[in-house]
Full PDB file with SEQRES, HELIX, SHEET, SSBOND, CRYST1, ORIGX, SCALE, CONECT and MASTER records, all heavy atoms in Angstrom:
SEQRES   1 A   40  GLU MET ALA GLN ASN VAL LEU ARG GLY THR GLY LYS ASP          
SEQRES   2 A   40  GLY VAL ILE GLN GLN VAL LEU ASP LYS LYS GLU GLN ILE          
SEQRES   3 A   40  LEU ASN ALA PRO GLU SER LYS ARG GLU SER THR PHE ASN          
SEQRES   4 A   40  ARG                                                          
HELIX    1 AA1 MET A    2  THR A   10  1                                   9    
HELIX    2 AA2 LYS A   12  LEU A   27  1                                  16    
HELIX    3 AA3 PRO A   30  LYS A   33  1                                   4    
CRYST1    1.000    1.000    1.000  90.00  90.00  90.00 P 1           1          
ORIGX1      1.000000  0.000000  0.000000        0.00000                         
ORIGX2      0.000000  1.000000  0.000000        0.00000                         
ORIGX3      0.000000  0.000000  1.000000        0.00000                         
SCALE1      1.000000  0.000000  0.000000        0.00000                         
SCALE2      0.000000  1.000000  0.000000        0.00000                         
SCALE3      0.000000  0.000000  1.000000        0.00000                         
ATOM      1  N   GLU A   1       0.836  -1.207   0.000  1.00  0.00           N  
ATOM      2  CA  GLU A   1       0.000   0.000   0.000  1.00  0.00           C  
ATOM      3  C   GLU A   1       0.868   1.254   0.000  1.00  0.00           C  
ATOM      4  O   GLU A   1       0.560   2.235  -0.677  1.00  0.00           O  
ATOM      5  CB  GLU A   1      -0.927   0.013   1.227  1.00  0.00           C  
ATOM      6  CG  GLU A   1      -2.218  -0.737   1.028  1.00  0.00           C  
ATOM      7  CD  GLU A   1      -3.051  -0.191  -0.114  1.00  0.00           C  
ATOM      8  OE1 GLU A   1      -3.243   1.041  -0.235  1.00  0.00           O  
ATOM      9  OE2 GLU A   1      -3.523  -1.016  -0.917  1.00  0.00           O  
ATOM     10  N   MET A   2       1.962   1.218   0.756  1.00  0.00           N  
ATOM     11  CA  MET A   2       2.841   2.382   0.832  1.00  0.00           C  
ATOM     12  C   MET A   2       3.457   2.674  -0.548  1.00  0.00           C  
ATOM     13  O   MET A   2       3.508   3.823  -0.978  1.00  0.00           O  
ATOM     14  CB  MET A   2       3.936   2.162   1.865  1.00  0.00           C  
ATOM     15  CG  MET A   2       4.706   3.413   2.204  1.00  0.00           C  
ATOM     16  SD  MET A   2       5.925   3.144   3.507  1.00  0.00           S  
ATOM     17  CE  MET A   2       4.857   2.871   4.893  1.00  0.00           C  
ATOM     18  N   ALA A   3       3.894   1.628  -1.237  1.00  0.00           N  
ATOM     19  CA  ALA A   3       4.479   1.817  -2.563  1.00  0.00           C  
ATOM     20  C   ALA A   3       3.422   2.337  -3.540  1.00  0.00           C  
ATOM     21  O   ALA A   3       3.708   3.224  -4.355  1.00  0.00           O  
ATOM     22  CB  ALA A   3       5.070   0.509  -3.067  1.00  0.00           C  
ATOM     23  N   GLN A   4       2.217   1.795  -3.469  1.00  0.00           N  
ATOM     24  CA  GLN A   4       1.140   2.275  -4.345  1.00  0.00           C  
ATOM     25  C   GLN A   4       0.835   3.741  -4.078  1.00  0.00           C  
ATOM     26  O   GLN A   4       0.618   4.514  -5.015  1.00  0.00           O  
ATOM     27  CB  GLN A   4      -0.116   1.427  -4.148  1.00  0.00           C  
ATOM     28  CG  GLN A   4       0.003   0.037  -4.734  1.00  0.00           C  
ATOM     29  CD  GLN A   4      -1.298  -0.739  -4.656  1.00  0.00           C  
ATOM     30  OE1 GLN A   4      -2.378  -0.170  -4.794  1.00  0.00           O  
ATOM     31  NE2 GLN A   4      -1.201  -2.044  -4.428  1.00  0.00           N  
ATOM     32  N   ASN A   5       0.836   4.135  -2.817  1.00  0.00           N  
ATOM     33  CA  ASN A   5       0.573   5.535  -2.476  1.00  0.00           C  
ATOM     34  C   ASN A   5       1.662   6.456  -3.017  1.00  0.00           C  
ATOM     35  O   ASN A   5       1.370   7.565  -3.478  1.00  0.00           O  
ATOM     36  CB  ASN A   5       0.429   5.697  -0.971  1.00  0.00           C  
ATOM     37  CG  ASN A   5      -0.857   5.082  -0.449  1.00  0.00           C  
ATOM     38  OD1 ASN A   5      -1.836   4.930  -1.186  1.00  0.00           O  
ATOM     39  ND2 ASN A   5      -0.858   4.704   0.816  1.00  0.00           N  
ATOM     40  N   VAL A   6       2.911   6.004  -2.961  1.00  0.00           N  
ATOM     41  CA  VAL A   6       4.009   6.806  -3.514  1.00  0.00           C  
ATOM     42  C   VAL A   6       3.824   6.982  -5.013  1.00  0.00           C  
ATOM     43  O   VAL A   6       3.975   8.088  -5.550  1.00  0.00           O  
ATOM     44  CB  VAL A   6       5.381   6.156  -3.195  1.00  0.00           C  
ATOM     45  CG1 VAL A   6       6.493   6.829  -3.975  1.00  0.00           C  
ATOM     46  CG2 VAL A   6       5.671   6.208  -1.707  1.00  0.00           C  
ATOM     47  N   LEU A   7       3.469   5.902  -5.703  1.00  0.00           N  
ATOM     48  CA  LEU A   7       3.261   5.986  -7.154  1.00  0.00           C  
ATOM     49  C   LEU A   7       2.070   6.874  -7.496  1.00  0.00           C  
ATOM     50  O   LEU A   7       2.117   7.654  -8.451  1.00  0.00           O  
ATOM     51  CB  LEU A   7       3.073   4.589  -7.745  1.00  0.00           C  
ATOM     52  CG  LEU A   7       4.317   3.700  -7.734  1.00  0.00           C  
ATOM     53  CD1 LEU A   7       3.975   2.292  -8.202  1.00  0.00           C  
ATOM     54  CD2 LEU A   7       5.422   4.288  -8.586  1.00  0.00           C  
ATOM     55  N   ARG A   8       1.001   6.758  -6.721  1.00  0.00           N  
ATOM     56  CA  ARG A   8      -0.172   7.629  -6.958  1.00  0.00           C  
ATOM     57  C   ARG A   8       0.207   9.088  -6.759  1.00  0.00           C  
ATOM     58  O   ARG A   8      -0.235   9.957  -7.510  1.00  0.00           O  
ATOM     59  CB  ARG A   8      -1.307   7.256  -6.020  1.00  0.00           C  
ATOM     60  CG  ARG A   8      -2.028   5.999  -6.419  1.00  0.00           C  
ATOM     61  CD  ARG A   8      -3.252   5.742  -5.538  1.00  0.00           C  
ATOM     62  NE  ARG A   8      -3.642   4.366  -5.640  1.00  0.00           N  
ATOM     63  CZ  ARG A   8      -3.519   3.459  -4.670  1.00  0.00           C  
ATOM     64  NH1 ARG A   8      -3.041   3.799  -3.490  1.00  0.00           N  
ATOM     65  NH2 ARG A   8      -3.879   2.208  -4.875  1.00  0.00           N  
ATOM     66  N   GLY A   9       1.024   9.350  -5.747  1.00  0.00           N  
ATOM     67  CA  GLY A   9       1.476  10.717  -5.477  1.00  0.00           C  
ATOM     68  C   GLY A   9       2.362  11.257  -6.587  1.00  0.00           C  
ATOM     69  O   GLY A   9       2.350  12.455  -6.880  1.00  0.00           O  
ATOM     70  N   THR A  10       3.127  10.386  -7.193  1.00  0.00           N  
ATOM     71  CA  THR A  10       3.997  10.787  -8.302  1.00  0.00           C  
ATOM     72  C   THR A  10       3.182  11.109  -9.540  1.00  0.00           C  
ATOM     73  O   THR A  10       3.550  11.976 -10.326  1.00  0.00           O  
ATOM     74  CB  THR A  10       5.014   9.663  -8.614  1.00  0.00           C  
ATOM     75  OG1 THR A  10       5.736   9.363  -7.427  1.00  0.00           O  
ATOM     76  CG2 THR A  10       5.971  10.059  -9.705  1.00  0.00           C  
ATOM     77  N   GLY A  11       2.094  10.411  -9.710  1.00  0.00           N  
ATOM     78  CA  GLY A  11       1.240  10.612 -10.878  1.00  0.00           C  
ATOM     79  C   GLY A  11       1.640   9.699 -12.016  1.00  0.00           C  
ATOM     80  O   GLY A  11       2.791   9.268 -12.123  1.00  0.00           O  
ATOM     81  N   LYS A  12       0.669   9.403 -12.855  1.00  0.00           N  
ATOM     82  CA  LYS A  12       0.876   8.458 -13.962  1.00  0.00           C  
ATOM     83  C   LYS A  12       2.003   8.922 -14.885  1.00  0.00           C  
ATOM     84  O   LYS A  12       2.894   8.148 -15.232  1.00  0.00           O  
ATOM     85  CB  LYS A  12      -0.430   8.303 -14.728  1.00  0.00           C  
ATOM     86  CG  LYS A  12      -0.366   7.332 -15.878  1.00  0.00           C  
ATOM     87  CD  LYS A  12      -1.733   7.228 -16.544  1.00  0.00           C  
ATOM     88  CE  LYS A  12      -1.703   6.400 -17.791  1.00  0.00           C  
ATOM     89  NZ  LYS A  12      -3.017   6.302 -18.422  1.00  0.00           N  
ATOM     90  N   ASP A  13       1.986  10.194 -15.280  1.00  0.00           N  
ATOM     91  CA  ASP A  13       3.011  10.710 -16.197  1.00  0.00           C  
ATOM     92  C   ASP A  13       4.399  10.687 -15.558  1.00  0.00           C  
ATOM     93  O   ASP A  13       5.385  10.399 -16.232  1.00  0.00           O  
ATOM     94  CB  ASP A  13       2.662  12.129 -16.655  1.00  0.00           C  
ATOM     95  CG  ASP A  13       1.419  12.170 -17.522  1.00  0.00           C  
ATOM     96  OD1 ASP A  13       1.128  11.144 -18.184  1.00  0.00           O  
ATOM     97  OD2 ASP A  13       0.734  13.207 -17.534  1.00  0.00           O  
ATOM     98  N   GLY A  14       4.464  10.965 -14.269  1.00  0.00           N  
ATOM     99  CA  GLY A  14       5.743  10.924 -13.561  1.00  0.00           C  
ATOM    100  C   GLY A  14       6.323   9.523 -13.503  1.00  0.00           C  
ATOM    101  O   GLY A  14       7.528   9.324 -13.689  1.00  0.00           O  
ATOM    102  N   VAL A  15       5.456   8.544 -13.273  1.00  0.00           N  
ATOM    103  CA  VAL A  15       5.909   7.146 -13.213  1.00  0.00           C  
ATOM    104  C   VAL A  15       6.355   6.690 -14.604  1.00  0.00           C  
ATOM    105  O   VAL A  15       7.388   6.019 -14.739  1.00  0.00           O  
ATOM    106  CB  VAL A  15       4.805   6.222 -12.656  1.00  0.00           C  
ATOM    107  CG1 VAL A  15       5.238   4.772 -12.728  1.00  0.00           C  
ATOM    108  CG2 VAL A  15       4.460   6.599 -11.226  1.00  0.00           C  
ATOM    109  N   ILE A  16       5.612   7.071 -15.629  1.00  0.00           N  
ATOM    110  CA  ILE A  16       5.994   6.713 -16.995  1.00  0.00           C  
ATOM    111  C   ILE A  16       7.372   7.280 -17.315  1.00  0.00           C  
ATOM    112  O   ILE A  16       8.223   6.588 -17.881  1.00  0.00           O  
ATOM    113  CB  ILE A  16       4.929   7.187 -18.007  1.00  0.00           C  
ATOM    114  CG1 ILE A  16       3.666   6.339 -17.851  1.00  0.00           C  
ATOM    115  CG2 ILE A  16       5.452   7.152 -19.435  1.00  0.00           C  
ATOM    116  CD1 ILE A  16       2.472   6.832 -18.650  1.00  0.00           C  
ATOM    117  N   GLN A  17       7.629   8.517 -16.908  1.00  0.00           N  
ATOM    118  CA  GLN A  17       8.943   9.115 -17.147  1.00  0.00           C  
ATOM    119  C   GLN A  17      10.030   8.376 -16.366  1.00  0.00           C  
ATOM    120  O   GLN A  17      11.129   8.147 -16.883  1.00  0.00           O  
ATOM    121  CB  GLN A  17       8.938  10.601 -16.770  1.00  0.00           C  
ATOM    122  CG  GLN A  17      10.232  11.301 -17.133  1.00  0.00           C  
ATOM    123  CD  GLN A  17      10.550  11.212 -18.619  1.00  0.00           C  
ATOM    124  OE1 GLN A  17       9.717  11.510 -19.465  1.00  0.00           O  
ATOM    125  NE2 GLN A  17      11.770  10.792 -18.945  1.00  0.00           N  
ATOM    126  N   GLN A  18       9.736   7.972 -15.148  1.00  0.00           N  
ATOM    127  CA  GLN A  18      10.708   7.210 -14.351  1.00  0.00           C  
ATOM    128  C   GLN A  18      11.017   5.867 -15.005  1.00  0.00           C  
ATOM    129  O   GLN A  18      12.170   5.418 -15.000  1.00  0.00           O  
ATOM    130  CB  GLN A  18      10.190   6.991 -12.935  1.00  0.00           C  
ATOM    131  CG  GLN A  18      10.215   8.223 -12.080  1.00  0.00           C  
ATOM    132  CD  GLN A  18       9.687   7.954 -10.674  1.00  0.00           C  
ATOM    133  OE1 GLN A  18       9.386   6.826 -10.311  1.00  0.00           O  
ATOM    134  NE2 GLN A  18       9.588   9.009  -9.889  1.00  0.00           N  
ATOM    135  N   VAL A  19      10.001   5.215 -15.567  1.00  0.00           N  
ATOM    136  CA  VAL A  19      10.216   3.935 -16.255  1.00  0.00           C  
ATOM    137  C   VAL A  19      11.093   4.152 -17.484  1.00  0.00           C  
ATOM    138  O   VAL A  19      12.028   3.373 -17.730  1.00  0.00           O  
ATOM    139  CB  VAL A  19       8.877   3.273 -16.643  1.00  0.00           C  
ATOM    140  CG1 VAL A  19       9.105   2.062 -17.533  1.00  0.00           C  
ATOM    141  CG2 VAL A  19       8.096   2.874 -15.410  1.00  0.00           C  
ATOM    142  N   LEU A  20      10.838   5.201 -18.245  1.00  0.00           N  
ATOM    143  CA  LEU A  20      11.659   5.491 -19.420  1.00  0.00           C  
ATOM    144  C   LEU A  20      13.099   5.800 -19.022  1.00  0.00           C  
ATOM    145  O   LEU A  20      14.049   5.367 -19.688  1.00  0.00           O  
ATOM    146  CB  LEU A  20      11.049   6.647 -20.221  1.00  0.00           C  
ATOM    147  CG  LEU A  20       9.681   6.366 -20.849  1.00  0.00           C  
ATOM    148  CD1 LEU A  20       9.116   7.626 -21.493  1.00  0.00           C  
ATOM    149  CD2 LEU A  20       9.765   5.229 -21.858  1.00  0.00           C  
ATOM    150  N   ASP A  21      13.278   6.528 -17.918  1.00  0.00           N  
ATOM    151  CA  ASP A  21      14.626   6.809 -17.409  1.00  0.00           C  
ATOM    152  C   ASP A  21      15.321   5.524 -16.977  1.00  0.00           C  
ATOM    153  O   ASP A  21      16.517   5.333 -17.237  1.00  0.00           O  
ATOM    154  CB  ASP A  21      14.571   7.792 -16.235  1.00  0.00           C  
ATOM    155  CG  ASP A  21      14.114   9.182 -16.645  1.00  0.00           C  
ATOM    156  OD1 ASP A  21      14.128   9.487 -17.870  1.00  0.00           O  
ATOM    157  OD2 ASP A  21      13.727   9.968 -15.749  1.00  0.00           O  
ATOM    158  N   LYS A  22      14.581   4.639 -16.317  1.00  0.00           N  
ATOM    159  CA  LYS A  22      15.148   3.362 -15.871  1.00  0.00           C  
ATOM    160  C   LYS A  22      15.559   2.523 -17.076  1.00  0.00           C  
ATOM    161  O   LYS A  22      16.611   1.882 -17.074  1.00  0.00           O  
ATOM    162  CB  LYS A  22      14.139   2.612 -15.006  1.00  0.00           C  
ATOM    163  CG  LYS A  22      14.591   1.263 -14.504  1.00  0.00           C  
ATOM    164  CD  LYS A  22      15.820   1.334 -13.637  1.00  0.00           C  
ATOM    165  CE  LYS A  22      15.494   1.770 -12.238  1.00  0.00           C  
ATOM    166  NZ  LYS A  22      16.674   1.718 -11.360  1.00  0.00           N  
ATOM    167  N   LYS A  23      14.734   2.547 -18.126  1.00  0.00           N  
ATOM    168  CA  LYS A  23      15.057   1.796 -19.345  1.00  0.00           C  
ATOM    169  C   LYS A  23      16.356   2.311 -19.956  1.00  0.00           C  
ATOM    170  O   LYS A  23      17.222   1.529 -20.347  1.00  0.00           O  
ATOM    171  CB  LYS A  23      13.902   1.918 -20.343  1.00  0.00           C  
ATOM    172  CG  LYS A  23      14.106   1.128 -21.605  1.00  0.00           C  
ATOM    173  CD  LYS A  23      12.884   1.251 -22.493  1.00  0.00           C  
ATOM    174  CE  LYS A  23      13.064   0.465 -23.772  1.00  0.00           C  
ATOM    175  NZ  LYS A  23      11.884   0.565 -24.651  1.00  0.00           N  
ATOM    176  N   GLU A  24      16.511   3.626 -20.031  1.00  0.00           N  
ATOM    177  CA  GLU A  24      17.750   4.217 -20.547  1.00  0.00           C  
ATOM    178  C   GLU A  24      18.948   3.833 -19.677  1.00  0.00           C  
ATOM    179  O   GLU A  24      20.019   3.527 -20.192  1.00  0.00           O  
ATOM    180  CB  GLU A  24      17.625   5.738 -20.623  1.00  0.00           C  
ATOM    181  CG  GLU A  24      16.816   6.220 -21.782  1.00  0.00           C  
ATOM    182  CD  GLU A  24      17.409   5.815 -23.121  1.00  0.00           C  
ATOM    183  OE1 GLU A  24      18.630   5.972 -23.327  1.00  0.00           O  
ATOM    184  OE2 GLU A  24      16.648   5.318 -23.965  1.00  0.00           O  
ATOM    185  N   GLN A  25      18.740   3.843 -18.373  1.00  0.00           N  
ATOM    186  CA  GLN A  25      19.810   3.469 -17.440  1.00  0.00           C  
ATOM    187  C   GLN A  25      20.239   2.020 -17.688  1.00  0.00           C  
ATOM    188  O   GLN A  25      21.433   1.717 -17.710  1.00  0.00           O  
ATOM    189  CB  GLN A  25      19.334   3.643 -15.999  1.00  0.00           C  
ATOM    190  CG  GLN A  25      20.337   3.235 -14.964  1.00  0.00           C  
ATOM    191  CD  GLN A  25      19.743   3.258 -13.560  1.00  0.00           C  
ATOM    192  OE1 GLN A  25      18.574   3.592 -13.356  1.00  0.00           O  
ATOM    193  NE2 GLN A  25      20.547   2.884 -12.588  1.00  0.00           N  
ATOM    194  N   ILE A  26      19.279   1.137 -17.880  1.00  0.00           N  
ATOM    195  CA  ILE A  26      19.583  -0.279 -18.128  1.00  0.00           C  
ATOM    196  C   ILE A  26      20.324  -0.443 -19.452  1.00  0.00           C  
ATOM    197  O   ILE A  26      21.323  -1.157 -19.535  1.00  0.00           O  
ATOM    198  CB  ILE A  26      18.285  -1.114 -18.119  1.00  0.00           C  
ATOM    199  CG1 ILE A  26      17.697  -1.166 -16.713  1.00  0.00           C  
ATOM    200  CG2 ILE A  26      18.541  -2.521 -18.652  1.00  0.00           C  
ATOM    201  CD1 ILE A  26      16.277  -1.699 -16.652  1.00  0.00           C  
ATOM    202  N   LEU A  27      19.836   0.223 -20.497  1.00  0.00           N  
ATOM    203  CA  LEU A  27      20.443   0.071 -21.822  1.00  0.00           C  
ATOM    204  C   LEU A  27      21.831   0.696 -21.905  1.00  0.00           C  
ATOM    205  O   LEU A  27      22.658   0.268 -22.715  1.00  0.00           O  
ATOM    206  CB  LEU A  27      19.526   0.684 -22.888  1.00  0.00           C  
ATOM    207  CG  LEU A  27      18.211  -0.043 -23.110  1.00  0.00           C  
ATOM    208  CD1 LEU A  27      17.346   0.728 -24.106  1.00  0.00           C  
ATOM    209  CD2 LEU A  27      18.444  -1.456 -23.596  1.00  0.00           C  
ATOM    210  N   ASN A  28      22.110   1.703 -21.078  1.00  0.00           N  
ATOM    211  CA  ASN A  28      23.407   2.371 -21.121  1.00  0.00           C  
ATOM    212  C   ASN A  28      24.378   1.871 -20.055  1.00  0.00           C  
ATOM    213  O   ASN A  28      25.488   2.390 -19.952  1.00  0.00           O  
ATOM    214  CB  ASN A  28      23.225   3.879 -20.981  1.00  0.00           C  
ATOM    215  CG  ASN A  28      22.535   4.462 -22.199  1.00  0.00           C  
ATOM    216  OD1 ASN A  28      22.785   4.043 -23.322  1.00  0.00           O  
ATOM    217  ND2 ASN A  28      21.653   5.416 -21.986  1.00  0.00           N  
ATOM    218  N   ALA A  29      23.969   0.890 -19.285  1.00  0.00           N  
ATOM    219  CA  ALA A  29      24.845   0.339 -18.250  1.00  0.00           C  
ATOM    220  C   ALA A  29      26.020  -0.389 -18.910  1.00  0.00           C  
ATOM    221  O   ALA A  29      25.861  -0.991 -19.971  1.00  0.00           O  
ATOM    222  CB  ALA A  29      24.071  -0.614 -17.354  1.00  0.00           C  
ATOM    223  N   PRO A  30      27.195  -0.349 -18.282  1.00  0.00           N  
ATOM    224  CA  PRO A  30      28.366  -1.006 -18.878  1.00  0.00           C  
ATOM    225  C   PRO A  30      28.153  -2.498 -19.152  1.00  0.00           C  
ATOM    226  O   PRO A  30      28.610  -3.018 -20.164  1.00  0.00           O  
ATOM    227  CB  PRO A  30      29.464  -0.807 -17.832  1.00  0.00           C  
ATOM    228  CG  PRO A  30      29.014   0.313 -16.983  1.00  0.00           C  
ATOM    229  CD  PRO A  30      27.523   0.332 -17.057  1.00  0.00           C  
ATOM    230  N   GLU A  31      27.444  -3.178 -18.255  1.00  0.00           N  
ATOM    231  CA  GLU A  31      27.233  -4.617 -18.455  1.00  0.00           C  
ATOM    232  C   GLU A  31      26.357  -4.925 -19.662  1.00  0.00           C  
ATOM    233  O   GLU A  31      26.416  -6.010 -20.217  1.00  0.00           O  
ATOM    234  CB  GLU A  31      26.690  -5.294 -17.195  1.00  0.00           C  
ATOM    235  CG  GLU A  31      25.412  -4.717 -16.667  1.00  0.00           C  
ATOM    236  CD  GLU A  31      25.602  -3.605 -15.661  1.00  0.00           C  
ATOM    237  OE1 GLU A  31      26.698  -3.063 -15.529  1.00  0.00           O  
ATOM    238  OE2 GLU A  31      24.617  -3.272 -14.991  1.00  0.00           O  
ATOM    239  N   SER A  32      25.532  -3.970 -20.081  1.00  0.00           N  
ATOM    240  CA  SER A  32      24.700  -4.215 -21.259  1.00  0.00           C  
ATOM    241  C   SER A  32      25.495  -4.062 -22.554  1.00  0.00           C  
ATOM    242  O   SER A  32      25.066  -4.518 -23.604  1.00  0.00           O  
ATOM    243  CB  SER A  32      23.499  -3.278 -21.278  1.00  0.00           C  
ATOM    244  OG  SER A  32      23.900  -1.959 -21.557  1.00  0.00           O  
ATOM    245  N   LYS A  33      26.656  -3.451 -22.476  1.00  0.00           N  
ATOM    246  CA  LYS A  33      27.502  -3.260 -23.659  1.00  0.00           C  
ATOM    247  C   LYS A  33      28.377  -4.481 -23.941  1.00  0.00           C  
ATOM    248  O   LYS A  33      28.877  -4.645 -25.037  1.00  0.00           O  
ATOM    249  CB  LYS A  33      28.410  -2.039 -23.478  1.00  0.00           C  
ATOM    250  CG  LYS A  33      27.674  -0.762 -23.165  1.00  0.00           C  
ATOM    251  CD  LYS A  33      26.904  -0.264 -24.345  1.00  0.00           C  
ATOM    252  CE  LYS A  33      26.300   1.088 -23.998  1.00  0.00           C  
ATOM    253  NZ  LYS A  33      25.038   1.309 -24.595  1.00  0.00           N  
ATOM    254  N   ARG A  34      28.572  -5.323 -22.922  1.00  0.00           N  
ATOM    255  CA  ARG A  34      29.422  -6.500 -23.104  1.00  0.00           C  
ATOM    256  C   ARG A  34      28.739  -7.529 -23.981  1.00  0.00           C  
ATOM    257  O   ARG A  34      27.516  -7.634 -24.023  1.00  0.00           O  
ATOM    258  CB  ARG A  34      29.739  -7.136 -21.750  1.00  0.00           C  
ATOM    259  CG  ARG A  34      30.817  -6.371 -21.006  1.00  0.00           C  
ATOM    260  CD  ARG A  34      31.216  -7.112 -19.775  1.00  0.00           C  
ATOM    261  NE  ARG A  34      30.304  -6.634 -18.727  1.00  0.00           N  
ATOM    262  CZ  ARG A  34      30.063  -7.239 -17.597  1.00  0.00           C  
ATOM    263  NH1 ARG A  34      30.632  -8.373 -17.325  1.00  0.00           N  
ATOM    264  NH2 ARG A  34      29.255  -6.729 -16.718  1.00  0.00           N  
ATOM    265  N   GLU A  35      29.549  -8.323 -24.636  1.00  0.00           N  
ATOM    266  CA  GLU A  35      29.031  -9.383 -25.481  1.00  0.00           C  
ATOM    267  C   GLU A  35      28.418 -10.477 -24.615  1.00  0.00           C  
ATOM    268  O   GLU A  35      28.923 -10.794 -23.547  1.00  0.00           O  
ATOM    269  CB  GLU A  35      30.171  -9.958 -26.318  1.00  0.00           C  
ATOM    270  CG  GLU A  35      29.709 -10.831 -27.438  1.00  0.00           C  
ATOM    271  CD  GLU A  35      30.855 -11.233 -28.348  1.00  0.00           C  
ATOM    272  OE1 GLU A  35      31.685 -10.362 -28.659  1.00  0.00           O  
ATOM    273  OE2 GLU A  35      30.893 -12.407 -28.710  1.00  0.00           O  
ATOM    274  N   SER A  36      27.350 -11.060 -25.088  1.00  0.00           N  
ATOM    275  CA  SER A  36      26.684 -12.131 -24.354  1.00  0.00           C  
ATOM    276  C   SER A  36      27.560 -13.375 -24.325  1.00  0.00           C  
ATOM    277  O   SER A  36      28.243 -13.697 -25.295  1.00  0.00           O  
ATOM    278  CB  SER A  36      25.351 -12.461 -25.018  1.00  0.00           C  
ATOM    279  OG  SER A  36      24.755 -13.563 -24.400  1.00  0.00           O  
ATOM    280  N   THR A  37      27.526 -14.088 -23.207  1.00  0.00           N  
ATOM    281  CA  THR A  37      28.307 -15.326 -23.096  1.00  0.00           C  
ATOM    282  C   THR A  37      27.412 -16.555 -23.240  1.00  0.00           C  
ATOM    283  O   THR A  37      27.861 -17.662 -23.013  1.00  0.00           O  
ATOM    284  CB  THR A  37      29.044 -15.392 -21.750  1.00  0.00           C  
ATOM    285  OG1 THR A  37      28.081 -15.324 -20.693  1.00  0.00           O  
ATOM    286  CG2 THR A  37      30.039 -14.265 -21.613  1.00  0.00           C  
ATOM    287  N   PHE A  38      26.162 -16.341 -23.595  1.00  0.00           N  
ATOM    288  CA  PHE A  38      25.240 -17.452 -23.774  1.00  0.00           C  
ATOM    289  C   PHE A  38      24.917 -17.615 -25.252  1.00  0.00           C  
ATOM    290  O   PHE A  38      24.672 -16.644 -25.952  1.00  0.00           O  
ATOM    291  CB  PHE A  38      23.943 -17.217 -22.991  1.00  0.00           C  
ATOM    292  CG  PHE A  38      24.126 -17.314 -21.514  1.00  0.00           C  
ATOM    293  CD1 PHE A  38      24.459 -16.199 -20.761  1.00  0.00           C  
ATOM    294  CD2 PHE A  38      23.983 -18.525 -20.868  1.00  0.00           C  
ATOM    295  CE1 PHE A  38      24.643 -16.293 -19.398  1.00  0.00           C  
ATOM    296  CE2 PHE A  38      24.160 -18.622 -19.501  1.00  0.00           C  
ATOM    297  CZ  PHE A  38      24.493 -17.503 -18.771  1.00  0.00           C  
ATOM    298  N   ASN A  39      24.951 -18.843 -25.717  1.00  0.00           N  
ATOM    299  CA  ASN A  39      24.640 -19.146 -27.115  1.00  0.00           C  
ATOM    300  C   ASN A  39      23.735 -20.366 -27.186  1.00  0.00           C  
ATOM    301  O   ASN A  39      23.714 -21.174 -26.268  1.00  0.00           O  
ATOM    302  CB  ASN A  39      25.920 -19.430 -27.910  1.00  0.00           C  
ATOM    303  CG  ASN A  39      26.793 -18.205 -28.034  1.00  0.00           C  
ATOM    304  OD1 ASN A  39      26.296 -17.120 -28.272  1.00  0.00           O  
ATOM    305  ND2 ASN A  39      28.090 -18.373 -27.866  1.00  0.00           N  
ATOM    306  N   ARG A  40      23.056 -20.504 -28.307  1.00  0.00           N  
ATOM    307  CA  ARG A  40      22.244 -21.705 -28.523  1.00  0.00           C  
ATOM    308  C   ARG A  40      23.154 -22.887 -28.800  1.00  0.00           C  
ATOM    309  O   ARG A  40      24.148 -22.763 -29.497  1.00  0.00           O  
ATOM    310  CB  ARG A  40      21.295 -21.515 -29.698  1.00  0.00           C  
ATOM    311  CG  ARG A  40      20.163 -20.586 -29.401  1.00  0.00           C  
ATOM    312  CD  ARG A  40      19.244 -20.529 -30.613  1.00  0.00           C  
ATOM    313  NE  ARG A  40      18.218 -19.557 -30.375  1.00  0.00           N  
ATOM    314  CZ  ARG A  40      17.004 -19.861 -29.913  1.00  0.00           C  
ATOM    315  NH1 ARG A  40      16.675 -21.097 -29.689  1.00  0.00           N  
ATOM    316  NH2 ARG A  40      16.117 -18.922 -29.708  1.00  0.00           N  
TER     317      ARG A  40                                                      
MASTER        0    0    0    3    0    0    0    6  316    1    0    4          
END                                                                             
């Protein structure tokens, strides 16, 4: 409930922007630039 209240307080557009920022953070992280070590 506390987390839901924080998100409601942030507002839908604010949360959407935070998700987009998090996505950019994930895609630009150094570990995402490394070559994958898993293959079929």
